[in-house]
Amino acid sequence: MSDSLHLYPWVVVRLLRPMPPVVFARFENPADAKAYVQVLKLLMPGAKFLLFFVPVP
């Protein structure tokens, strides 16, 4: 895993059925990630997004 992925552990994923999920964005802190998801939901009301934390080993 590259160093940049360690710096941005909060991940926003878009679910696109029947295709595999797509990593949409990565963030350093959860507040920025949540705000980004809120904006995405306003811009794309029919889309589904997941926000999760990827722990650094």
PDB file of N, CA and C in Angstrom:
ATOM      1  N   MET A   1       0.847  -1.170   0.000  1.00  0.00           N
ATOM      2  CA  MET A   1       0.000   0.000   0.000  1.00  0.00           C
ATOM      3  C   MET A   1       0.895   1.236   0.000  1.00  0.00           C
ATOM      4  N   SER A   2       0.552   2.184  -0.847  1.00  0.00           N
ATOM      5  CA  SER A   2       1.404   3.372  -0.943  1.00  0.00           C
ATOM      6  C   SER A   2       1.182   4.301   0.249  1.00  0.00           C
ATOM      7  N   ASP A   3       2.113   5.224   0.430  1.00  0.00           N
ATOM      8  CA  ASP A   3       2.021   6.158   1.552  1.00  0.00           C
ATOM      9  C   ASP A   3       0.802   7.051   1.462  1.00  0.00           C
ATOM     10  N   SER A   4       0.383   7.424   0.251  1.00  0.00           N
ATOM     11  CA  SER A   4      -0.774   8.309   0.117  1.00  0.00           C
ATOM     12  C   SER A   4      -2.056   7.639   0.616  1.00  0.00           C
ATOM     13  N   LEU A   5      -2.175   6.326   0.476  1.00  0.00           N
ATOM     14  CA  LEU A   5      -3.356   5.625   0.971  1.00  0.00           C
ATOM     15  C   LEU A   5      -3.376   5.589   2.495  1.00  0.00           C
ATOM     16  N   HIS A   6      -2.196   5.589   3.129  1.00  0.00           N
ATOM     17  CA  HIS A   6      -2.129   5.625   4.587  1.00  0.00           C
ATOM     18  C   HIS A   6      -2.603   6.971   5.120  1.00  0.00           C
ATOM     19  N   LEU A   7      -2.410   8.029   4.339  1.00  0.00           N
ATOM     20  CA  LEU A   7      -2.792   9.373   4.783  1.00  0.00           C
ATOM     21  C   LEU A   7      -4.288   9.615   4.653  1.00  0.00           C
ATOM     22  N   TYR A   8      -4.967   8.837   3.824  1.00  0.00           N
ATOM     23  CA  TYR A   8      -6.393   9.054   3.564  1.00  0.00           C
ATOM     24  C   TYR A   8      -7.178   7.771   3.811  1.00  0.00           C
ATOM     25  N   PRO A   9      -7.427   7.434   5.075  1.00  0.00           N
ATOM     26  CA  PRO A   9      -8.073   6.157   5.380  1.00  0.00           C
ATOM     27  C   PRO A   9      -9.597   6.149   5.204  1.00  0.00           C
ATOM     28  N   TRP A  10     -10.238   7.328   5.102  1.00  0.00           N
ATOM     29  CA  TRP A  10     -11.693   7.383   4.934  1.00  0.00           C
ATOM     30  C   TRP A  10     -12.022   7.320   3.452  1.00  0.00           C
ATOM     31  N   VAL A  11     -12.845   6.334   3.074  1.00  0.00           N
ATOM     32  CA  VAL A  11     -13.111   6.056   1.669  1.00  0.00           C
ATOM     33  C   VAL A  11     -14.600   6.198   1.379  1.00  0.00           C
ATOM     34  N   VAL A  12     -14.903   6.873   0.254  1.00  0.00           N
ATOM     35  CA  VAL A  12     -16.269   6.971  -0.242  1.00  0.00           C
ATOM     36  C   VAL A  12     -16.340   6.071  -1.478  1.00  0.00           C
ATOM     37  N   VAL A  13     -17.285   5.133  -1.455  1.00  0.00           N
ATOM     38  CA  VAL A  13     -17.454   4.173  -2.537  1.00  0.00           C
ATOM     39  C   VAL A  13     -18.837   4.356  -3.140  1.00  0.00           C
ATOM     40  N   ARG A  14     -18.905   4.342  -4.466  1.00  0.00           N
ATOM     41  CA  ARG A  14     -20.200   4.392  -5.145  1.00  0.00           C
ATOM     42  C   ARG A  14     -20.566   2.981  -5.576  1.00  0.00           C
ATOM     43  N   LEU A  15     -21.806   2.602  -5.275  1.00  0.00           N
ATOM     44  CA  LEU A  15     -22.302   1.288  -5.661  1.00  0.00           C
ATOM     45  C   LEU A  15     -22.981   1.400  -7.017  1.00  0.00           C
ATOM     46  N   LEU A  16     -22.478   0.631  -7.970  1.00  0.00           N
ATOM     47  CA  LEU A  16     -23.010   0.634  -9.334  1.00  0.00           C
ATOM     48  C   LEU A  16     -23.375  -0.796  -9.709  1.00  0.00           C
ATOM     49  N   ARG A  17     -24.618  -1.154  -9.522  1.00  0.00           N
ATOM     50  CA  ARG A  17     -25.026  -2.520  -9.840  1.00  0.00           C
ATOM     51  C   ARG A  17     -25.223  -2.649 -11.329  1.00  0.00           C
ATOM     52  N   PRO A  18     -24.857  -3.714 -11.959  1.00  0.00           N
ATOM     53  CA  PRO A  18     -24.248  -4.951 -11.488  1.00  0.00           C
ATOM     54  C   PRO A  18     -22.722  -4.899 -11.524  1.00  0.00           C
ATOM     55  N   MET A  19     -22.149  -3.716 -11.715  1.00  0.00           N
ATOM     56  CA  MET A  19     -20.693  -3.584 -11.770  1.00  0.00           C
ATOM     57  C   MET A  19     -20.108  -3.583 -10.359  1.00  0.00           C
ATOM     58  N   PRO A  20     -18.798  -3.796 -10.251  1.00  0.00           N
ATOM     59  CA  PRO A  20     -18.174  -3.739  -8.921  1.00  0.00           C
ATOM     60  C   PRO A  20     -18.192  -2.314  -8.361  1.00  0.00           C
ATOM     61  N   PRO A  21     -18.120  -2.168  -7.048  1.00  0.00           N
ATOM     62  CA  PRO A  21     -18.084  -0.832  -6.439  1.00  0.00           C
ATOM     63  C   PRO A  21     -16.870  -0.036  -6.906  1.00  0.00           C
ATOM     64  N   VAL A  22     -17.032   1.281  -6.935  1.00  0.00           N
ATOM     65  CA  VAL A  22     -15.978   2.174  -7.400  1.00  0.00           C
ATOM     66  C   VAL A  22     -15.559   3.084  -6.248  1.00  0.00           C
ATOM     67  N   VAL A  23     -14.255   3.143  -5.972  1.00  0.00           N
ATOM     68  CA  VAL A  23     -13.746   4.091  -4.976  1.00  0.00           C
ATOM     69  C   VAL A  23     -13.862   5.479  -5.592  1.00  0.00           C
ATOM     70  N   PHE A  24     -14.693   6.302  -4.976  1.00  0.00           N
ATOM     71  CA  PHE A  24     -15.010   7.622  -5.527  1.00  0.00           C
ATOM     72  C   PHE A  24     -14.061   8.680  -5.004  1.00  0.00           C
ATOM     73  N   ALA A  25     -13.694   8.586  -3.726  1.00  0.00           N
ATOM     74  CA  ALA A  25     -12.808   9.590  -3.122  1.00  0.00           C
ATOM     75  C   ALA A  25     -12.222   9.035  -1.830  1.00  0.00           C
ATOM     76  N   ARG A  26     -11.097   9.622  -1.403  1.00  0.00           N
ATOM     77  CA  ARG A  26     -10.452   9.266  -0.136  1.00  0.00           C
ATOM     78  C   ARG A  26     -10.219  10.547   0.647  1.00  0.00           C
ATOM     79  N   PHE A  27     -10.352  10.454   1.982  1.00  0.00           N
ATOM     80  CA  PHE A  27     -10.233  11.637   2.837  1.00  0.00           C
ATOM     81  C   PHE A  27      -9.402  11.331   4.068  1.00  0.00           C
ATOM     82  N   GLU A  28      -8.851  12.398   4.623  1.00  0.00           N
ATOM     83  CA  GLU A  28      -8.028  12.291   5.823  1.00  0.00           C
ATOM     84  C   GLU A  28      -8.877  12.199   7.087  1.00  0.00           C
ATOM     85  N   ASN A  29     -10.005  12.908   7.118  1.00  0.00           N
ATOM     86  CA  ASN A  29     -10.830  12.888   8.328  1.00  0.00           C
ATOM     87  C   ASN A  29     -12.291  12.611   7.977  1.00  0.00           C
ATOM     88  N   PRO A  30     -13.050  12.089   8.926  1.00  0.00           N
ATOM     89  CA  PRO A  30     -14.426  11.679   8.648  1.00  0.00           C
ATOM     90  C   PRO A  30     -15.371  12.848   8.365  1.00  0.00           C
ATOM     91  N   ALA A  31     -15.116  14.007   8.935  1.00  0.00           N
ATOM     92  CA  ALA A  31     -16.004  15.147   8.707  1.00  0.00           C
ATOM     93  C   ALA A  31     -15.993  15.570   7.236  1.00  0.00           C
ATOM     94  N   ASP A  32     -14.824  15.601   6.626  1.00  0.00           N
ATOM     95  CA  ASP A  32     -14.734  15.943   5.209  1.00  0.00           C
ATOM     96  C   ASP A  32     -15.430  14.891   4.347  1.00  0.00           C
ATOM     97  N   ALA A  33     -15.254  13.646   4.693  1.00  0.00           N
ATOM     98  CA  ALA A  33     -15.873  12.564   3.925  1.00  0.00           C
ATOM     99  C   ALA A  33     -17.393  12.628   4.024  1.00  0.00           C
ATOM    100  N   LYS A  34     -17.924  12.873   5.203  1.00  0.00           N
ATOM    101  CA  LYS A  34     -19.384  12.961   5.380  1.00  0.00           C
ATOM    102  C   LYS A  34     -19.950  14.146   4.614  1.00  0.00           C
ATOM    103  N   ALA A  35     -19.266  15.268   4.648  1.00  0.00           N
ATOM    104  CA  ALA A  35     -19.729  16.445   3.913  1.00  0.00           C
ATOM    105  C   ALA A  35     -19.725  16.172   2.412  1.00  0.00           C
ATOM    106  N   TYR A  36     -18.725  15.470   1.929  1.00  0.00           N
ATOM    107  CA  TYR A  36     -18.631  15.135   0.514  1.00  0.00           C
ATOM    108  C   TYR A  36     -19.793  14.227   0.106  1.00  0.00           C
ATOM    109  N   VAL A  37     -20.106  13.253   0.941  1.00  0.00           N
ATOM    110  CA  VAL A  37     -21.224  12.342   0.644  1.00  0.00           C
ATOM    111  C   VAL A  37     -22.544  13.118   0.619  1.00  0.00           C
ATOM    112  N   GLN A  38     -22.723  14.073   1.507  1.00  0.00           N
ATOM    113  CA  GLN A  38     -23.945  14.879   1.511  1.00  0.00           C
ATOM    114  C   GLN A  38     -24.099  15.649   0.205  1.00  0.00           C
ATOM    115  N   VAL A  39     -23.015  16.224  -0.283  1.00  0.00           N
ATOM    116  CA  VAL A  39     -23.060  16.959  -1.549  1.00  0.00           C
ATOM    117  C   VAL A  39     -23.345  16.001  -2.707  1.00  0.00           C
ATOM    118  N   LEU A  40     -22.708  14.837  -2.696  1.00  0.00           N
ATOM    119  CA  LEU A  40     -22.951  13.864  -3.756  1.00  0.00           C
ATOM    120  C   LEU A  40     -24.410  13.428  -3.791  1.00  0.00           C
ATOM    121  N   LYS A  41     -25.019  13.263  -2.626  1.00  0.00           N
ATOM    122  CA  LYS A  41     -26.428  12.858  -2.569  1.00  0.00           C
ATOM    123  C   LYS A  41     -27.342  13.949  -3.130  1.00  0.00           C
ATOM    124  N   LEU A  42     -26.958  15.219  -2.964  1.00  0.00           N
ATOM    125  CA  LEU A  42     -27.738  16.307  -3.555  1.00  0.00           C
ATOM    126  C   LEU A  42     -27.585  16.327  -5.080  1.00  0.00           C
ATOM    127  N   LEU A  43     -26.367  16.079  -5.553  1.00  0.00           N
ATOM    128  CA  LEU A  43     -26.101  16.112  -6.984  1.00  0.00           C
ATOM    129  C   LEU A  43     -26.601  14.862  -7.715  1.00  0.00           C
ATOM    130  N   MET A  44     -26.552  13.721  -7.047  1.00  0.00           N
ATOM    131  CA  MET A  44     -26.969  12.449  -7.643  1.00  0.00           C
ATOM    132  C   MET A  44     -27.910  11.726  -6.686  1.00  0.00           C
ATOM    133  N   PRO A  45     -29.165  12.162  -6.608  1.00  0.00           N
ATOM    134  CA  PRO A  45     -30.080  11.596  -5.604  1.00  0.00           C
ATOM    135  C   PRO A  45     -30.348  10.099  -5.752  1.00  0.00           C
ATOM    136  N   GLY A  46     -30.224   9.556  -6.948  1.00  0.00           N
ATOM    137  CA  GLY A  46     -30.490   8.133  -7.147  1.00  0.00           C
ATOM    138  C   GLY A  46     -29.299   7.239  -6.878  1.00  0.00           C
ATOM    139  N   ALA A  47     -28.135   7.804  -6.712  1.00  0.00           N
ATOM    140  CA  ALA A  47     -26.912   7.012  -6.515  1.00  0.00           C
ATOM    141  C   ALA A  47     -26.786   6.555  -5.068  1.00  0.00           C
ATOM    142  N   LYS A  48     -26.086   5.447  -4.880  1.00  0.00           N
ATOM    143  CA  LYS A  48     -25.845   4.915  -3.534  1.00  0.00           C
ATOM    144  C   LYS A  48     -24.352   4.984  -3.236  1.00  0.00           C
ATOM    145  N   PHE A  49     -24.033   5.512  -2.036  1.00  0.00           N
ATOM    146  CA  PHE A  49     -22.651   5.666  -1.619  1.00  0.00           C
ATOM    147  C   PHE A  49     -22.430   5.033  -0.256  1.00  0.00           C
ATOM    148  N   LEU A  50     -21.242   4.517  -0.042  1.00  0.00           N
ATOM    149  CA  LEU A  50     -20.832   3.987   1.261  1.00  0.00           C
ATOM    150  C   LEU A  50     -19.628   4.794   1.728  1.00  0.00           C
ATOM    151  N   LEU A  51     -19.577   5.011   3.020  1.00  0.00           N
ATOM    152  CA  LEU A  51     -18.441   5.683   3.643  1.00  0.00           C
ATOM    153  C   LEU A  51     -17.882   4.721   4.671  1.00  0.00           C
ATOM    154  N   PHE A  52     -16.588   4.427   4.569  1.00  0.00           N
ATOM    155  CA  PHE A  52     -16.007   3.531   5.563  1.00  0.00           C
ATOM    156  C   PHE A  52     -14.550   3.868   5.815  1.00  0.00           C
ATOM    157  N   PHE A  53     -14.043   3.321   6.896  1.00  0.00           N
ATOM    158  CA  PHE A  53     -12.671   3.538   7.345  1.00  0.00           C
ATOM    159  C   PHE A  53     -11.844   2.304   7.007  1.00  0.00           C
ATOM    160  N   VAL A  54     -10.691   2.517   6.375  1.00  0.00           N
ATOM    161  CA  VAL A  54      -9.775   1.441   6.060  1.00  0.00           C
ATOM    162  C   VAL A  54      -8.622   1.535   7.063  1.00  0.00           C
ATOM    163  N   PRO A  55      -8.548   0.609   8.026  1.00  0.00           N
ATOM    164  CA  PRO A  55      -7.475   0.691   9.023  1.00  0.00           C
ATOM    165  C   PRO A  55      -6.104   0.485   8.389  1.00  0.00           C
ATOM    166  N   VAL A  56      -5.129   1.196   8.914  1.00  0.00           N
ATOM    167  CA  VAL A  56      -3.763   1.096   8.422  1.00  0.00           C
ATOM    168  C   VAL A  56      -3.043   0.006   9.214  1.00  0.00           C
ATOM    169  N   PRO A  57      -2.487  -0.982   8.507  1.00  0.00           N
ATOM    170  CA  PRO A  57      -1.806  -2.076   9.238  1.00  0.00           C
ATOM    171  C   PRO A  57      -0.503  -1.630   9.855  1.00  0.00           C
TER     172      PRO A  57
END
